[in-house]
Amino acid sequence: GEHHEIGILLSALLLSAHGADVMYLGENLPESTIGEAAKALNPDILLLSVGRHFQRQAGRDINQVVAKIKNLMPQKTKFWIGGHLESLTMNSMRDYDLRTFNSLKEFSRVLSES
């Protein structure tokens, strides 16, 4: 449940500008909805944006959210996540083969190199 969508909207625009077909699902979606949408759409990449607000929500653990989504989505789909990732553990990044981005500038650079 992320209430701020500027980061993900800008990321979607950057992906589109680089020729990707983008399906924007919206903001503040439960993990199960994201995972089920990924299963139904079978995308090459699933991009999740995490803002500071998410980190402050009581009882929310980004590592558990990542695990739940990853377990629902197709295995072939790459999982990219950007934003405020201070509490994301190295184990989650390794275990779930996450590609992380700390800024839109970094995300844009990676897209330009692809």
Protein backbone atom coordinates (compact mmCIF):
# COMPACT_ATOMS: atom_id res chain seq x y z
CA GLY A 1 0.00 0.00 0.00
CA GLU A 2 1.92 3.02 -1.27
CA HIS A 3 0.04 6.32 -1.37
CA HIS A 4 2.58 8.37 -3.33
CA GLU A 5 2.67 7.61 -7.01
CA ILE A 6 4.97 10.24 -8.51
CA GLY A 7 8.00 7.90 -8.53
CA ILE A 8 6.20 5.04 -10.22
CA LEU A 9 4.48 7.37 -12.72
CA LEU A 10 7.81 8.91 -13.72
CA SER A 11 9.34 5.44 -13.96
CA ALA A 12 6.48 4.31 -16.21
CA LEU A 13 7.05 7.35 -18.43
CA LEU A 14 10.78 6.60 -18.63
CA LEU A 15 10.08 2.98 -19.57
CA SER A 16 7.62 4.10 -22.23
CA ALA A 17 10.11 6.62 -23.60
CA HIS A 18 12.59 3.74 -23.97
CA GLY A 19 10.08 1.75 -26.02
CA ALA A 20 8.59 -0.52 -23.38
CA ASP A 21 4.92 -1.45 -23.35
CA VAL A 22 3.81 -0.27 -19.92
CA MET A 23 0.77 -1.41 -17.96
CA TYR A 24 0.33 0.99 -15.05
CA LEU A 25 -1.61 -0.69 -12.23
CA GLY A 26 -1.91 2.29 -9.89
CA GLU A 27 -0.91 3.19 -6.38
CA ASN A 28 -1.71 1.74 -2.98
CA LEU A 29 -2.34 -1.81 -4.20
CA PRO A 30 -2.22 -4.83 -1.90
CA GLU A 31 0.58 -7.32 -2.54
CA SER A 32 -1.91 -9.99 -3.60
CA THR A 33 -3.36 -7.70 -6.30
CA ILE A 34 0.12 -6.91 -7.65
CA GLY A 35 1.11 -10.58 -7.69
CA GLU A 36 -2.15 -11.70 -9.32
CA ALA A 37 -1.87 -8.96 -11.96
CA ALA A 38 1.68 -10.08 -12.73
CA LYS A 39 0.47 -13.65 -13.06
CA ALA A 40 -2.34 -12.61 -15.43
CA LEU A 41 -0.27 -10.16 -17.51
CA ASN A 42 2.96 -12.21 -17.55
CA PRO A 43 5.25 -9.17 -17.94
CA ASP A 44 8.98 -9.22 -18.63
CA ILE A 45 9.52 -6.84 -15.70
CA LEU A 46 7.49 -5.92 -12.63
CA LEU A 47 8.47 -2.53 -11.24
CA LEU A 48 7.50 -1.55 -7.70
CA SER A 49 8.06 1.87 -6.15
CA VAL A 50 8.39 2.30 -2.39
CA GLY A 51 8.13 5.72 -0.77
CA ARG A 52 8.95 6.90 2.73
CA HIS A 53 5.29 6.70 3.73
CA PHE A 54 5.33 2.92 3.26
CA GLN A 55 8.34 2.58 5.53
CA ARG A 56 6.53 4.45 8.32
CA GLN A 57 3.35 2.37 8.28
CA ALA A 58 3.06 0.34 11.47
CA GLY A 59 3.62 -3.34 11.00
CA ARG A 60 4.77 -3.09 7.37
CA ASP A 61 7.93 -4.94 6.35
CA ILE A 62 9.15 -4.44 2.79
CA ASN A 63 10.90 -7.82 2.92
CA GLN A 64 7.61 -9.61 3.58
CA VAL A 65 5.88 -7.61 0.86
CA VAL A 66 8.60 -8.55 -1.64
CA ALA A 67 8.37 -12.22 -0.66
CA LYS A 68 4.59 -12.31 -1.07
CA ILE A 69 4.66 -10.63 -4.50
CA LYS A 70 7.58 -12.74 -5.73
CA ASN A 71 5.81 -15.95 -4.73
CA LEU A 72 2.72 -14.96 -6.74
CA MET A 73 4.35 -13.66 -9.92
CA PRO A 74 5.66 -15.72 -12.86
CA GLN A 75 9.20 -17.02 -12.35
CA LYS A 76 10.43 -15.55 -15.64
CA THR A 77 9.34 -12.02 -14.66
CA LYS A 78 12.18 -9.79 -13.46
CA PHE A 79 11.43 -7.91 -10.23
CA TRP A 80 12.67 -4.33 -10.08
CA ILE A 81 12.08 -2.08 -7.09
CA GLY A 82 12.94 1.55 -6.55
CA GLY A 83 12.58 4.23 -3.94
CA HIS A 84 13.34 4.34 -0.25
CA LEU A 85 14.73 0.89 0.40
CA GLU A 86 16.55 1.37 3.69
CA SER A 87 14.89 -1.64 5.34
CA LEU A 88 15.24 -4.00 2.37
CA THR A 89 17.74 -6.67 3.39
CA MET A 90 20.58 -8.11 1.34
CA ASN A 91 18.94 -11.53 1.81
CA SER A 92 15.77 -10.31 0.10
CA MET A 93 17.74 -8.78 -2.74
CA ARG A 94 19.66 -12.03 -3.27
CA ASP A 95 16.89 -14.55 -2.53
CA TYR A 96 14.36 -12.84 -4.78
CA ASP A 97 16.82 -11.68 -7.45
CA LEU A 98 15.76 -8.05 -7.09
CA ARG A 99 17.14 -5.20 -9.14
CA THR A 100 17.06 -2.08 -6.97
CA PHE A 101 17.20 1.61 -7.82
CA ASN A 102 17.77 4.41 -5.34
CA SER A 103 16.88 7.24 -7.70
CA LEU A 104 15.17 8.04 -10.98
CA LYS A 105 18.54 9.15 -12.29
CA GLU A 106 19.98 5.67 -11.66
CA PHE A 107 16.89 4.05 -13.19
CA SER A 108 17.16 6.24 -16.29
CA ARG A 109 20.87 5.41 -16.65
CA VAL A 110 20.17 1.67 -16.51
CA LEU A 111 17.44 2.02 -19.15
CA SER A 112 19.80 3.98 -21.40
CA GLU A 113 22.40 1.23 -21.13
CA SER A 114 19.92 -1.51 -22.08
